[in-house]
Amino acid sequence: MTLNETAQPTPARAVSEPQKVAAVVFNPTKVDLDELRAAVQAGAEAAGWGTTLYFETDPDDFGVSGARLAVEQGADVVMAVGGDGTVRAVAEGLRGSDVPIALLPSGTGNLLARNLEFTLGSLAESVAVAFEGGERDIDLGVVELTRDDGATEEHAFLVMAGFGLDAKMMANTRPGLKKAVGWLAYVDGGVRALAEIEPVEISYSVDNGPRRSVDVLTVLVGNCGSLTGGILLMPDAKPDDGILDVVALRPRGPFGWFTVWRKIGWENGVLRKSAVGRKIIDLSKDVRDVRYLTGRRFDVELESAQEVELDGDEFGTATSVRCWTEHLGLTVKVPRSEG
């Protein structure tokens, strides 16, 4: 090199960032796999993501293990494809990670999507949200069940946990009828459950406070407030407030169920939608047949083992139920306008 020559810096070699990877946990009975793969591949290519991972749900855990494997293999988002049970299981598998869940609803209720006020549009739209949507943090409900033999199990829930009549109704719902008529099958299950259920005495505490005893027909612990069919059971429930909403149904006398329905169907479903209606509710006498509680933790001891349900799926029987919330413990992919 002569004195008149100037040394030129060596161009830096471009370093490409690794492609993001999505995972799909799917219930094969709820989806057309070829259609799903085509939609996801189109979404991945449009977003510039890598090859998608697929995990079929296991009948023993409904997708929990698939979601955990997806996290272990480096997934940046996990799509839950199935009904409420699949969504709940994927959320349980993602517990403790920072990997978001994306909802590709294909079941009967789609309760989390409805409570988050998602528009249940096309598969392509849901896939686009999974790859390029925004994010919203919500609470994750956790329940510890104690079985007859003293063994304990811990599970997550997103919408509601229940025991008593509610859980018996889920257990009595016939799968074939549910597939044929959707959520209306729960009505059939409920009618048959009424003939079998008896009030049960429970001992409960809220936020480790004093214990109280009461006879109930059913208890639901909610992270969200709306049920199948658009029934607004817990009007004050919010999915991200760190609080559990509890409702106990204890109908009394021949008109007990009419009173319960007036409270849930008329007051919650109709009157609360207007300012005048809310004033009417404020002036109304409290209904003893429907009791509401709120807290971060709800512990119940049962006089006898009762059926339990989580997000609409039966979970056997338990002699005690302990529920709490992990505040903002789950990230959900949402449309950009809602993120």
C-alpha atoms as a PDB file:
ATOM      1  CA  MET A   1       0.000   0.000   0.000  1.00  0.00           C
ATOM      2  CA  THR A   2       1.487   3.431  -1.038  1.00  0.00           C
ATOM      3  CA  LEU A   3       1.337   6.629   1.021  1.00  0.00           C
ATOM      4  CA  ASN A   4      -1.409   7.948  -1.241  1.00  0.00           C
ATOM      5  CA  GLU A   5      -3.647   4.929  -0.674  1.00  0.00           C
ATOM      6  CA  THR A   6      -6.237   4.984   2.075  1.00  0.00           C
ATOM      7  CA  ALA A   7      -7.132   1.771   3.890  1.00  0.00           C
ATOM      8  CA  GLN A   8     -10.796   0.879   3.405  1.00  0.00           C
ATOM      9  CA  PRO A   9     -12.687  -0.807   6.241  1.00  0.00           C
ATOM     10  CA  THR A  10     -13.772  -4.360   5.597  1.00  0.00           C
ATOM     11  CA  PRO A  11     -17.550  -4.470   5.124  1.00  0.00           C
ATOM     12  CA  ALA A  12     -19.325  -6.010   8.108  1.00  0.00           C
ATOM     13  CA  ARG A  13     -20.988  -9.298   7.292  1.00  0.00           C
ATOM     14  CA  ALA A  14     -24.760  -9.038   7.674  1.00  0.00           C
ATOM     15  CA  VAL A  15     -26.078 -11.057  10.596  1.00  0.00           C
ATOM     16  CA  SER A  16     -29.608 -12.292  10.107  1.00  0.00           C
ATOM     17  CA  GLU A  17     -31.804 -12.723  13.147  1.00  0.00           C
ATOM     18  CA  PRO A  18     -33.301 -16.183  13.627  1.00  0.00           C
ATOM     19  CA  GLN A  19     -36.856 -16.535  12.371  1.00  0.00           C
ATOM     20  CA  LYS A  20     -39.643 -16.633  14.888  1.00  0.00           C
ATOM     21  CA  VAL A  21     -41.481 -19.920  15.247  1.00  0.00           C
ATOM     22  CA  ALA A  22     -45.149 -20.570  15.990  1.00  0.00           C
ATOM     23  CA  ALA A  23     -46.651 -23.713  17.464  1.00  0.00           C
ATOM     24  CA  VAL A  24     -50.145 -25.132  17.044  1.00  0.00           C
ATOM     25  CA  VAL A  25     -51.804 -27.324  19.664  1.00  0.00           C
ATOM     26  CA  PHE A  26     -54.919 -28.768  18.065  1.00  0.00           C
ATOM     27  CA  ASN A  27     -57.782 -31.072  18.908  1.00  0.00           C
ATOM     28  CA  PRO A  28     -58.104 -33.361  15.862  1.00  0.00           C
ATOM     29  CA  THR A  29     -61.844 -33.849  16.454  1.00  0.00           C
ATOM     30  CA  LYS A  30     -62.527 -30.102  16.197  1.00  0.00           C
ATOM     31  CA  VAL A  31     -60.619 -29.060  13.084  1.00  0.00           C
ATOM     32  CA  ASP A  32     -59.942 -29.779   9.413  1.00  0.00           C
ATOM     33  CA  LEU A  33     -56.175 -30.308   9.634  1.00  0.00           C
ATOM     34  CA  ASP A  34     -55.481 -29.646   5.953  1.00  0.00           C
ATOM     35  CA  GLU A  35     -57.361 -26.348   6.079  1.00  0.00           C
ATOM     36  CA  LEU A  36     -55.602 -25.421   9.323  1.00  0.00           C
ATOM     37  CA  ARG A  37     -52.126 -26.156   7.949  1.00  0.00           C
ATOM     38  CA  ALA A  38     -52.812 -24.157   4.795  1.00  0.00           C
ATOM     39  CA  ALA A  39     -54.034 -21.117   6.750  1.00  0.00           C
ATOM     40  CA  VAL A  40     -51.146 -21.226   9.223  1.00  0.00           C
ATOM     41  CA  GLN A  41     -48.533 -21.650   6.482  1.00  0.00           C
ATOM     42  CA  ALA A  42     -49.952 -18.653   4.611  1.00  0.00           C
ATOM     43  CA  GLY A  43     -49.877 -16.586   7.804  1.00  0.00           C
ATOM     44  CA  ALA A  44     -46.301 -17.630   8.638  1.00  0.00           C
ATOM     45  CA  GLU A  45     -45.056 -16.781   5.148  1.00  0.00           C
ATOM     46  CA  ALA A  46     -46.787 -13.393   5.177  1.00  0.00           C
ATOM     47  CA  ALA A  47     -45.221 -12.562   8.562  1.00  0.00           C
ATOM     48  CA  GLY A  48     -41.784 -13.934   7.664  1.00  0.00           C
ATOM     49  CA  TRP A  49     -41.824 -16.637  10.339  1.00  0.00           C
ATOM     50  CA  GLY A  50     -40.165 -20.049  10.193  1.00  0.00           C
ATOM     51  CA  THR A  51     -41.611 -23.551  10.043  1.00  0.00           C
ATOM     52  CA  THR A  52     -44.549 -24.057  12.399  1.00  0.00           C
ATOM     53  CA  LEU A  53     -44.569 -26.802  15.052  1.00  0.00           C
ATOM     54  CA  TYR A  54     -47.674 -28.991  15.469  1.00  0.00           C
ATOM     55  CA  PHE A  55     -48.829 -30.900  18.558  1.00  0.00           C
ATOM     56  CA  GLU A  56     -51.969 -33.023  18.675  1.00  0.00           C
ATOM     57  CA  THR A  57     -53.891 -32.958  21.954  1.00  0.00           C
ATOM     58  CA  ASP A  58     -53.628 -35.946  24.261  1.00  0.00           C
ATOM     59  CA  PRO A  59     -56.909 -37.324  25.678  1.00  0.00           C
ATOM     60  CA  ASP A  60     -55.226 -37.530  29.084  1.00  0.00           C
ATOM     61  CA  ASP A  61     -54.275 -33.849  29.374  1.00  0.00           C
ATOM     62  CA  PHE A  62     -56.142 -32.107  26.525  1.00  0.00           C
ATOM     63  CA  GLY A  63     -53.035 -30.272  25.285  1.00  0.00           C
ATOM     64  CA  VAL A  64     -51.073 -29.332  28.417  1.00  0.00           C
ATOM     65  CA  SER A  65     -48.042 -31.408  27.425  1.00  0.00           C
ATOM     66  CA  GLY A  66     -48.162 -30.112  23.841  1.00  0.00           C
ATOM     67  CA  ALA A  67     -48.006 -26.512  25.040  1.00  0.00           C
ATOM     68  CA  ARG A  68     -45.096 -27.315  27.359  1.00  0.00           C
ATOM     69  CA  LEU A  69     -43.197 -28.999  24.533  1.00  0.00           C
ATOM     70  CA  ALA A  70     -43.839 -25.961  22.351  1.00  0.00           C
ATOM     71  CA  VAL A  71     -42.252 -23.717  24.976  1.00  0.00           C
ATOM     72  CA  GLU A  72     -39.282 -26.067  25.368  1.00  0.00           C
ATOM     73  CA  GLN A  73     -38.729 -26.031  21.606  1.00  0.00           C
ATOM     74  CA  GLY A  74     -38.642 -22.242  21.460  1.00  0.00           C
ATOM     75  CA  ALA A  75     -42.103 -21.304  20.193  1.00  0.00           C
ATOM     76  CA  ASP A  76     -42.794 -17.559  20.152  1.00  0.00           C
ATOM     77  CA  VAL A  77     -46.580 -18.049  20.173  1.00  0.00           C
ATOM     78  CA  VAL A  78     -48.805 -21.082  20.755  1.00  0.00           C
ATOM     79  CA  MET A  79     -52.121 -21.331  18.932  1.00  0.00           C
ATOM     80  CA  ALA A  80     -54.891 -23.209  20.723  1.00  0.00           C
ATOM     81  CA  VAL A  81     -57.164 -24.870  18.171  1.00  0.00           C
ATOM     82  CA  GLY A  82     -60.221 -26.513  19.691  1.00  0.00           C
ATOM     83  CA  GLY A  83     -62.908 -25.865  22.247  1.00  0.00           C
ATOM     84  CA  ASP A  84     -62.754 -24.291  25.699  1.00  0.00           C
ATOM     85  CA  GLY A  85     -61.028 -27.375  27.085  1.00  0.00           C
ATOM     86  CA  THR A  86     -58.151 -27.083  24.616  1.00  0.00           C
ATOM     87  CA  VAL A  87     -57.736 -23.364  25.340  1.00  0.00           C
ATOM     88  CA  ARG A  88     -57.698 -24.041  29.085  1.00  0.00           C
ATOM     89  CA  ALA A  89     -55.133 -26.834  28.713  1.00  0.00           C
ATOM     90  CA  VAL A  90     -52.815 -24.751  26.522  1.00  0.00           C
ATOM     91  CA  ALA A  91     -52.993 -21.909  29.033  1.00  0.00           C
ATOM     92  CA  GLU A  92     -52.057 -24.362  31.787  1.00  0.00           C
ATOM     93  CA  GLY A  93     -49.103 -25.547  29.716  1.00  0.00           C
ATOM     94  CA  LEU A  94     -47.957 -21.939  29.205  1.00  0.00           C
ATOM     95  CA  ARG A  95     -48.207 -21.100  32.904  1.00  0.00           C
ATOM     96  CA  GLY A  96     -44.957 -19.616  34.158  1.00  0.00           C
ATOM     97  CA  SER A  97     -43.657 -18.771  30.684  1.00  0.00           C
ATOM     98  CA  ASP A  98     -43.841 -15.505  28.769  1.00  0.00           C
ATOM     99  CA  VAL A  99     -45.095 -17.179  25.579  1.00  0.00           C
ATOM    100  CA  PRO A 100     -48.480 -15.798  24.463  1.00  0.00           C
ATOM    101  CA  ILE A 101     -51.499 -17.876  23.567  1.00  0.00           C
ATOM    102  CA  ALA A 102     -53.459 -17.270  20.355  1.00  0.00           C
ATOM    103  CA  LEU A 103     -57.093 -18.335  20.102  1.00  0.00           C
ATOM    104  CA  LEU A 104     -58.330 -20.148  17.015  1.00  0.00           C
ATOM    105  CA  PRO A 105     -61.842 -20.926  18.296  1.00  0.00           C
ATOM    106  CA  SER A 106     -63.535 -24.010  16.904  1.00  0.00           C
ATOM    107  CA  GLY A 107     -65.586 -25.390  19.787  1.00  0.00           C
ATOM    108  CA  THR A 108     -69.116 -25.034  21.150  1.00  0.00           C
ATOM    109  CA  GLY A 109     -68.725 -22.212  23.638  1.00  0.00           C
ATOM    110  CA  ASN A 110     -65.526 -20.269  22.838  1.00  0.00           C
ATOM    111  CA  LEU A 111     -66.050 -18.651  26.225  1.00  0.00           C
ATOM    112  CA  LEU A 112     -62.705 -16.897  26.659  1.00  0.00           C
ATOM    113  CA  ALA A 113     -62.916 -15.361  23.179  1.00  0.00           C
ATOM    114  CA  ARG A 114     -66.465 -14.170  23.880  1.00  0.00           C
ATOM    115  CA  ASN A 115     -65.575 -12.754  27.298  1.00  0.00           C
ATOM    116  CA  LEU A 116     -62.686 -10.866  25.707  1.00  0.00           C
ATOM    117  CA  GLU A 117     -65.230  -9.633  23.114  1.00  0.00           C
ATOM    118  CA  PHE A 118     -63.358 -11.069  20.153  1.00  0.00           C
ATOM    119  CA  THR A 119     -65.102 -11.133  16.813  1.00  0.00           C
ATOM    120  CA  LEU A 120     -65.290 -14.814  15.952  1.00  0.00           C
ATOM    121  CA  GLY A 121     -64.376 -14.362  12.297  1.00  0.00           C
ATOM    122  CA  SER A 122     -62.646 -16.539   9.770  1.00  0.00           C
ATOM    123  CA  LEU A 123     -59.763 -18.903  10.389  1.00  0.00           C
ATOM    124  CA  ALA A 124     -57.489 -16.680   8.278  1.00  0.00           C
ATOM    125  CA  GLU A 125     -58.310 -13.646  10.456  1.00  0.00           C
ATOM    126  CA  SER A 126     -57.565 -15.566  13.660  1.00  0.00           C
ATOM    127  CA  VAL A 127     -54.258 -16.809  12.222  1.00  0.00           C
ATOM    128  CA  ALA A 128     -53.299 -13.252  11.215  1.00  0.00           C
ATOM    129  CA  VAL A 129     -53.882 -12.114  14.802  1.00  0.00           C
ATOM    130  CA  ALA A 130     -51.672 -14.960  16.048  1.00  0.00           C
ATOM    131  CA  PHE A 131     -48.738 -13.843  13.876  1.00  0.00           C
ATOM    132  CA  GLU A 132     -49.141 -10.073  13.732  1.00  0.00           C
ATOM    133  CA  GLY A 133     -51.654  -9.053  16.394  1.00  0.00           C
ATOM    134  CA  GLY A 134     -51.112  -7.171  19.616  1.00  0.00           C
ATOM    135  CA  GLU A 135     -50.941  -8.611  23.124  1.00  0.00           C
ATOM    136  CA  ARG A 136     -53.109  -8.355  26.226  1.00  0.00           C
ATOM    137  CA  ASP A 137     -52.271  -9.686  29.682  1.00  0.00           C
ATOM    138  CA  ILE A 138     -55.095 -11.349  31.625  1.00  0.00           C
ATOM    139  CA  ASP A 139     -55.374 -13.197  34.920  1.00  0.00           C
ATOM    140  CA  LEU A 140     -54.889 -16.938  35.162  1.00  0.00           C
ATOM    141  CA  GLY A 141     -57.136 -18.792  37.582  1.00  0.00           C
ATOM    142  CA  VAL A 142     -55.593 -21.686  39.503  1.00  0.00           C
ATOM    143  CA  VAL A 143     -57.407 -24.400  41.435  1.00  0.00           C
ATOM    144  CA  GLU A 144     -56.098 -27.065  43.804  1.00  0.00           C
ATOM    145  CA  LEU A 145     -58.364 -30.095  44.100  1.00  0.00           C
ATOM    146  CA  THR A 146     -58.192 -32.591  46.948  1.00  0.00           C
ATOM    147  CA  ARG A 147     -59.483 -36.024  45.970  1.00  0.00           C
ATOM    148  CA  ASP A 148     -61.213 -38.646  48.128  1.00  0.00           C
ATOM    149  CA  ASP A 149     -57.896 -40.371  48.830  1.00  0.00           C
ATOM    150  CA  GLY A 150     -56.193 -37.139  49.926  1.00  0.00           C
ATOM    151  CA  ALA A 151     -54.203 -36.683  46.709  1.00  0.00           C
ATOM    152  CA  THR A 152     -54.048 -33.134  45.367  1.00  0.00           C
ATOM    153  CA  GLU A 153     -53.970 -31.807  41.809  1.00  0.00           C
ATOM    154  CA  GLU A 154     -53.367 -28.283  40.543  1.00  0.00           C
ATOM    155  CA  HIS A 155     -54.928 -26.967  37.332  1.00  0.00           C
ATOM    156  CA  ALA A 156     -55.480 -23.659  35.575  1.00  0.00           C
ATOM    157  CA  PHE A 157     -58.779 -22.177  34.421  1.00  0.00           C
ATOM    158  CA  LEU A 158     -59.598 -19.111  32.374  1.00  0.00           C
ATOM    159  CA  VAL A 159     -63.330 -18.575  32.669  1.00  0.00           C
ATOM    160  CA  MET A 160     -64.907 -20.445  35.594  1.00  0.00           C
ATOM    161  CA  ALA A 161     -64.441 -23.290  38.027  1.00  0.00           C
ATOM    162  CA  GLY A 162     -67.539 -24.833  39.567  1.00  0.00           C
ATOM    163  CA  PHE A 163     -68.851 -27.627  41.720  1.00  0.00           C
ATOM    164  CA  GLY A 164     -72.277 -28.956  42.585  1.00  0.00           C
ATOM    165  CA  LEU A 165     -75.144 -28.664  40.108  1.00  0.00           C
ATOM    166  CA  ASP A 166     -73.046 -26.837  37.506  1.00  0.00           C
ATOM    167  CA  ALA A 167     -70.438 -29.590  37.403  1.00  0.00           C
ATOM    168  CA  LYS A 168     -73.069 -32.337  37.514  1.00  0.00           C
ATOM    169  CA  MET A 169     -74.720 -30.719  34.499  1.00  0.00           C
ATOM    170  CA  MET A 170     -71.431 -30.870  32.580  1.00  0.00           C
ATOM    171  CA  ALA A 171     -70.931 -34.498  33.554  1.00  0.00           C
ATOM    172  CA  ASN A 172     -74.464 -35.380  32.403  1.00  0.00           C
ATOM    173  CA  THR A 173     -74.217 -33.609  29.047  1.00  0.00           C
ATOM    174  CA  ARG A 174     -74.212 -36.180  26.256  1.00  0.00           C
ATOM    175  CA  PRO A 175     -71.316 -35.699  23.787  1.00  0.00           C
ATOM    176  CA  GLY A 176     -73.395 -36.773  20.792  1.00  0.00           C
ATOM    177  CA  LEU A 177     -76.146 -34.276  21.605  1.00  0.00           C
ATOM    178  CA  LYS A 178     -73.588 -31.532  22.231  1.00  0.00           C
ATOM    179  CA  LYS A 179     -72.085 -32.155  18.802  1.00  0.00           C
ATOM    180  CA  ALA A 180     -75.528 -32.029  17.207  1.00  0.00           C
ATOM    181  CA  VAL A 181     -77.107 -28.978  18.887  1.00  0.00           C
ATOM    182  CA  GLY A 182     -74.182 -27.164  20.529  1.00  0.00           C
ATOM    183  CA  TRP A 183     -74.632 -25.420  23.878  1.00  0.00           C
ATOM    184  CA  LEU A 184     -78.335 -26.343  24.031  1.00  0.00           C
ATOM    185  CA  ALA A 185     -77.183 -29.824  25.039  1.00  0.00           C
ATOM    186  CA  TYR A 186     -76.319 -28.348  28.451  1.00  0.00           C
ATOM    187  CA  VAL A 187     -80.037 -27.762  29.040  1.00  0.00           C
ATOM    188  CA  ASP A 188     -80.651 -31.494  28.720  1.00  0.00           C
ATOM    189  CA  GLY A 189     -77.738 -32.169  31.081  1.00  0.00           C
ATOM    190  CA  GLY A 190     -79.075 -29.609  33.548  1.00  0.00           C
ATOM    191  CA  VAL A 191     -82.563 -31.095  33.658  1.00  0.00           C
ATOM    192  CA  ARG A 192     -81.169 -34.545  34.392  1.00  0.00           C
ATOM    193  CA  ALA A 193     -78.750 -33.128  36.983  1.00  0.00           C
ATOM    194  CA  LEU A 194     -81.590 -31.460  38.900  1.00  0.00           C
ATOM    195  CA  ALA A 195     -83.113 -34.857  39.564  1.00  0.00           C
ATOM    196  CA  GLU A 196     -79.852 -36.103  41.119  1.00  0.00           C
ATOM    197  CA  ILE A 197     -78.409 -33.152  43.026  1.00  0.00           C
ATOM    198  CA  GLU A 198     -78.966 -32.303  46.687  1.00  0.00           C
ATOM    199  CA  PRO A 199     -77.814 -29.212  48.615  1.00  0.00           C
ATOM    200  CA  VAL A 200     -74.367 -29.636  50.117  1.00  0.00           C
ATOM    201  CA  GLU A 201     -72.927 -27.951  53.186  1.00  0.00           C
ATOM    202  CA  ILE A 202     -69.680 -26.113  52.576  1.00  0.00           C
ATOM    203  CA  SER A 203     -67.219 -24.386  54.857  1.00  0.00           C
ATOM    204  CA  TYR A 204     -65.454 -21.541  53.084  1.00  0.00           C
ATOM    205  CA  SER A 205     -63.118 -18.602  53.596  1.00  0.00           C
ATOM    206  CA  VAL A 206     -62.211 -15.639  51.406  1.00  0.00           C
ATOM    207  CA  ASP A 207     -58.632 -14.316  51.404  1.00  0.00           C
ATOM    208  CA  ASN A 208     -57.776 -16.497  54.438  1.00  0.00           C
ATOM    209  CA  GLY A 209     -60.483 -14.752  56.479  1.00  0.00           C
ATOM    210  CA  PRO A 210     -62.898 -16.320  58.973  1.00  0.00           C
ATOM    211  CA  ARG A 211     -64.587 -19.537  57.927  1.00  0.00           C
ATOM    212  CA  ARG A 212     -68.324 -19.614  57.329  1.00  0.00           C
ATOM    213  CA  SER A 213     -70.734 -22.467  56.627  1.00  0.00           C
ATOM    214  CA  VAL A 214     -73.681 -22.509  54.232  1.00  0.00           C
ATOM    215  CA  ASP A 215     -75.831 -24.961  52.275  1.00  0.00           C
ATOM    216  CA  VAL A 216     -75.607 -24.493  48.503  1.00  0.00           C
ATOM    217  CA  LEU A 217     -76.697 -26.228  45.338  1.00  0.00           C
ATOM    218  CA  THR A 218     -73.811 -24.979  43.246  1.00  0.00           C
ATOM    219  CA  VAL A 219     -70.845 -22.603  43.469  1.00  0.00           C
ATOM    220  CA  LEU A 220     -68.960 -20.988  40.582  1.00  0.00           C
ATOM    221  CA  VAL A 221     -65.648 -19.163  40.863  1.00  0.00           C
ATOM    222  CA  GLY A 222     -65.107 -16.844  37.924  1.00  0.00           C
ATOM    223  CA  ASN A 223     -62.233 -15.103  36.223  1.00  0.00           C
ATOM    224  CA  CYS A 224     -64.740 -13.966  33.567  1.00  0.00           C
ATOM    225  CA  GLY A 225     -68.458 -13.301  33.891  1.00  0.00           C
ATOM    226  CA  SER A 226     -70.326 -14.674  30.860  1.00  0.00           C
ATOM    227  CA  LEU A 227     -71.469 -18.249  30.313  1.00  0.00           C
ATOM    228  CA  THR A 228     -72.556 -20.279  27.307  1.00  0.00           C
ATOM    229  CA  GLY A 229     -75.559 -18.735  25.579  1.00  0.00           C
ATOM    230  CA  GLY A 230     -74.540 -15.211  26.583  1.00  0.00           C
ATOM    231  CA  ILE A 231     -75.768 -15.570  30.182  1.00  0.00           C
ATOM    232  CA  LEU A 232     -74.140 -12.844  32.297  1.00  0.00           C
ATOM    233  CA  LEU A 233     -73.627 -14.665  35.584  1.00  0.00           C
ATOM    234  CA  MET A 234     -71.054 -12.365  37.203  1.00  0.00           C
ATOM    235  CA  PRO A 235     -71.604  -8.803  35.952  1.00  0.00           C
ATOM    236  CA  ASP A 236     -68.640  -7.285  37.781  1.00  0.00           C
ATOM    237  CA  ALA A 237     -66.057  -9.902  36.774  1.00  0.00           C
ATOM    238  CA  LYS A 238     -63.076  -8.648  34.778  1.00  0.00           C
ATOM    239  CA  PRO A 239     -60.378 -10.918  33.324  1.00  0.00           C
ATOM    240  CA  ASP A 240     -57.492  -8.655  34.374  1.00  0.00           C
ATOM    241  CA  ASP A 241     -58.385  -7.175  37.779  1.00  0.00           C
ATOM    242  CA  GLY A 242     -56.604  -9.804  39.913  1.00  0.00           C
ATOM    243  CA  ILE A 243     -59.907 -10.656  41.607  1.00  0.00           C
ATOM    244  CA  LEU A 244     -62.023 -13.809  41.585  1.00  0.00           C
ATOM    245  CA  ASP A 245     -65.808 -13.408  41.540  1.00  0.00           C
ATOM    246  CA  VAL A 246     -67.771 -16.117  43.330  1.00  0.00           C
ATOM    247  CA  VAL A 247     -71.487 -16.842  43.050  1.00  0.00           C
ATOM    248  CA  ALA A 248     -73.397 -19.362  45.150  1.00  0.00           C
ATOM    249  CA  LEU A 249     -76.850 -20.512  44.064  1.00  0.00           C
ATOM    250  CA  ARG A 250     -79.128 -21.677  46.855  1.00  0.00           C
ATOM    251  CA  PRO A 251     -82.736 -21.634  45.600  1.00  0.00           C
ATOM    252  CA  ARG A 252     -85.310 -21.975  48.372  1.00  0.00           C
ATOM    253  CA  GLY A 253     -88.916 -23.088  48.155  1.00  0.00           C
ATOM    254  CA  PRO A 254     -91.069 -23.780  45.082  1.00  0.00           C
ATOM    255  CA  PHE A 255     -90.179 -20.460  43.438  1.00  0.00           C
ATOM    256  CA  GLY A 256     -86.468 -20.575  44.196  1.00  0.00           C
ATOM    257  CA  TRP A 257     -85.322 -21.191  40.628  1.00  0.00           C
ATOM    258  CA  PHE A 258     -87.628 -18.470  39.343  1.00  0.00           C
ATOM    259  CA  THR A 259     -85.928 -16.066  41.751  1.00  0.00           C
ATOM    260  CA  VAL A 260     -82.496 -17.202  40.582  1.00  0.00           C
ATOM    261  CA  TRP A 261     -83.433 -16.700  36.931  1.00  0.00           C
ATOM    262  CA  ARG A 262     -84.934 -13.268  37.647  1.00  0.00           C
ATOM    263  CA  LYS A 263     -81.628 -12.225  39.176  1.00  0.00           C
ATOM    264  CA  ILE A 264     -79.359 -13.698  36.493  1.00  0.00           C
ATOM    265  CA  GLY A 265     -81.520 -13.515  33.378  1.00  0.00           C
ATOM    266  CA  TRP A 266     -83.508 -10.319  33.994  1.00  0.00           C
ATOM    267  CA  GLU A 267     -81.314  -8.122  36.186  1.00  0.00           C
ATOM    268  CA  ASN A 268     -77.900  -9.137  34.840  1.00  0.00           C
ATOM    269  CA  GLY A 269     -78.980  -9.784  31.266  1.00  0.00           C
ATOM    270  CA  VAL A 270     -81.432  -6.909  30.711  1.00  0.00           C
ATOM    271  CA  LEU A 271     -81.551  -4.218  33.402  1.00  0.00           C
ATOM    272  CA  ARG A 272     -77.779  -3.742  33.682  1.00  0.00           C
ATOM    273  CA  LYS A 273     -77.602  -2.661  30.044  1.00  0.00           C
ATOM    274  CA  SER A 274     -79.218   0.730  30.758  1.00  0.00           C
ATOM    275  CA  ALA A 275     -78.767   3.508  33.334  1.00  0.00           C
ATOM    276  CA  VAL A 276     -82.435   3.319  34.322  1.00  0.00           C
ATOM    277  CA  GLY A 277     -82.189  -0.441  34.724  1.00  0.00           C
ATOM    278  CA  ARG A 278     -79.150  -0.138  36.986  1.00  0.00           C
ATOM    279  CA  LYS A 279     -81.069   2.288  39.215  1.00  0.00           C
ATOM    280  CA  ILE A 280     -83.878  -0.249  39.473  1.00  0.00           C
ATOM    281  CA  ILE A 281     -81.343  -2.887  40.546  1.00  0.00           C
ATOM    282  CA  ASP A 282     -79.940  -0.529  43.205  1.00  0.00           C
ATOM    283  CA  LEU A 283     -83.432  -0.067  44.642  1.00  0.00           C
ATOM    284  CA  SER A 284     -84.233  -3.781  44.552  1.00  0.00           C
ATOM    285  CA  LYS A 285     -83.955  -6.038  47.561  1.00  0.00           C
ATOM    286  CA  ASP A 286     -81.034  -8.466  47.483  1.00  0.00           C
ATOM    287  CA  VAL A 287     -81.937 -11.983  46.406  1.00  0.00           C
ATOM    288  CA  ARG A 288     -81.014 -14.484  49.106  1.00  0.00           C
ATOM    289  CA  ASP A 289     -81.026 -17.321  46.587  1.00  0.00           C
ATOM    290  CA  VAL A 290     -78.019 -15.816  44.746  1.00  0.00           C
ATOM    291  CA  ARG A 291     -74.967 -14.749  46.766  1.00  0.00           C
ATOM    292  CA  TYR A 292     -71.887 -12.961  45.409  1.00  0.00           C
ATOM    293  CA  LEU A 293     -68.385 -12.768  46.908  1.00  0.00           C
ATOM    294  CA  THR A 294     -65.083 -11.385  45.634  1.00  0.00           C
ATOM    295  CA  GLY A 295     -61.486 -12.005  46.669  1.00  0.00           C
ATOM    296  CA  ARG A 296     -58.067 -13.104  45.515  1.00  0.00           C
ATOM    297  CA  ARG A 297     -58.405 -16.518  47.133  1.00  0.00           C
ATOM    298  CA  PHE A 298     -61.404 -18.761  47.822  1.00  0.00           C
ATOM    299  CA  ASP A 299     -61.050 -21.950  49.888  1.00  0.00           C
ATOM    300  CA  VAL A 300     -63.868 -24.484  50.297  1.00  0.00           C
ATOM    301  CA  GLU A 301     -64.230 -27.666  52.326  1.00  0.00           C
ATOM    302  CA  LEU A 302     -67.117 -29.935  51.261  1.00  0.00           C
ATOM    303  CA  GLU A 303     -69.118 -32.226  53.516  1.00  0.00           C
ATOM    304  CA  SER A 304     -69.007 -34.871  50.780  1.00  0.00           C
ATOM    305  CA  ALA A 305     -67.159 -35.287  47.488  1.00  0.00           C
ATOM    306  CA  GLN A 306     -68.710 -33.235  44.691  1.00  0.00           C
ATOM    307  CA  GLU A 307     -68.360 -33.100  40.918  1.00  0.00           C
ATOM    308  CA  VAL A 308     -65.974 -30.381  39.701  1.00  0.00           C
ATOM    309  CA  GLU A 309     -65.784 -28.622  36.328  1.00  0.00           C
ATOM    310  CA  LEU A 310     -63.175 -26.279  34.870  1.00  0.00           C
ATOM    311  CA  ASP A 311     -64.118 -24.146  31.864  1.00  0.00           C
ATOM    312  CA  GLY A 312     -66.896 -26.551  30.979  1.00  0.00           C
ATOM    313  CA  ASP A 313     -64.965 -29.830  31.284  1.00  0.00           C
ATOM    314  CA  GLU A 314     -65.622 -32.325  34.061  1.00  0.00           C
ATOM    315  CA  PHE A 315     -62.691 -32.968  36.420  1.00  0.00           C
ATOM    316  CA  GLY A 316     -63.989 -35.739  38.645  1.00  0.00           C
ATOM    317  CA  THR A 317     -64.893 -35.264  42.296  1.00  0.00           C
ATOM    318  CA  ALA A 318     -63.156 -33.394  45.129  1.00  0.00           C
ATOM    319  CA  THR A 319     -63.591 -32.960  48.871  1.00  0.00           C
ATOM    320  CA  SER A 320     -61.952 -29.529  48.938  1.00  0.00           C
ATOM    321  CA  VAL A 321     -61.420 -26.814  46.334  1.00  0.00           C
ATOM    322  CA  ARG A 322     -58.905 -23.983  46.678  1.00  0.00           C
ATOM    323  CA  CYS A 323     -58.875 -21.247  44.046  1.00  0.00           C
ATOM    324  CA  TRP A 324     -56.655 -18.231  43.534  1.00  0.00           C
ATOM    325  CA  THR A 325     -55.620 -15.921  40.727  1.00  0.00           C
ATOM    326  CA  GLU A 326     -52.233 -15.237  39.193  1.00  0.00           C
ATOM    327  CA  HIS A 327     -52.625 -11.580  38.279  1.00  0.00           C
ATOM    328  CA  LEU A 328     -51.814 -10.939  34.592  1.00  0.00           C
ATOM    329  CA  GLY A 329     -50.313 -14.428  34.418  1.00  0.00           C
ATOM    330  CA  LEU A 330     -51.219 -15.103  30.786  1.00  0.00           C
ATOM    331  CA  THR A 331     -50.620 -13.129  27.587  1.00  0.00           C
ATOM    332  CA  VAL A 332     -53.245 -13.401  24.841  1.00  0.00           C
ATOM    333  CA  LYS A 333     -52.801 -12.365  21.229  1.00  0.00           C
ATOM    334  CA  VAL A 334     -55.473  -9.819  20.244  1.00  0.00           C
ATOM    335  CA  PRO A 335     -56.310  -7.707  17.198  1.00  0.00           C
ATOM    336  CA  ARG A 336     -54.032  -4.667  16.973  1.00  0.00           C
ATOM    337  CA  SER A 337     -56.908  -2.316  17.736  1.00  0.00           C
ATOM    338  CA  GLU A 338     -57.412  -4.077  21.098  1.00  0.00           C
ATOM    339  CA  GLY A 339     -53.787  -4.638  22.099  1.00  0.00           C
END
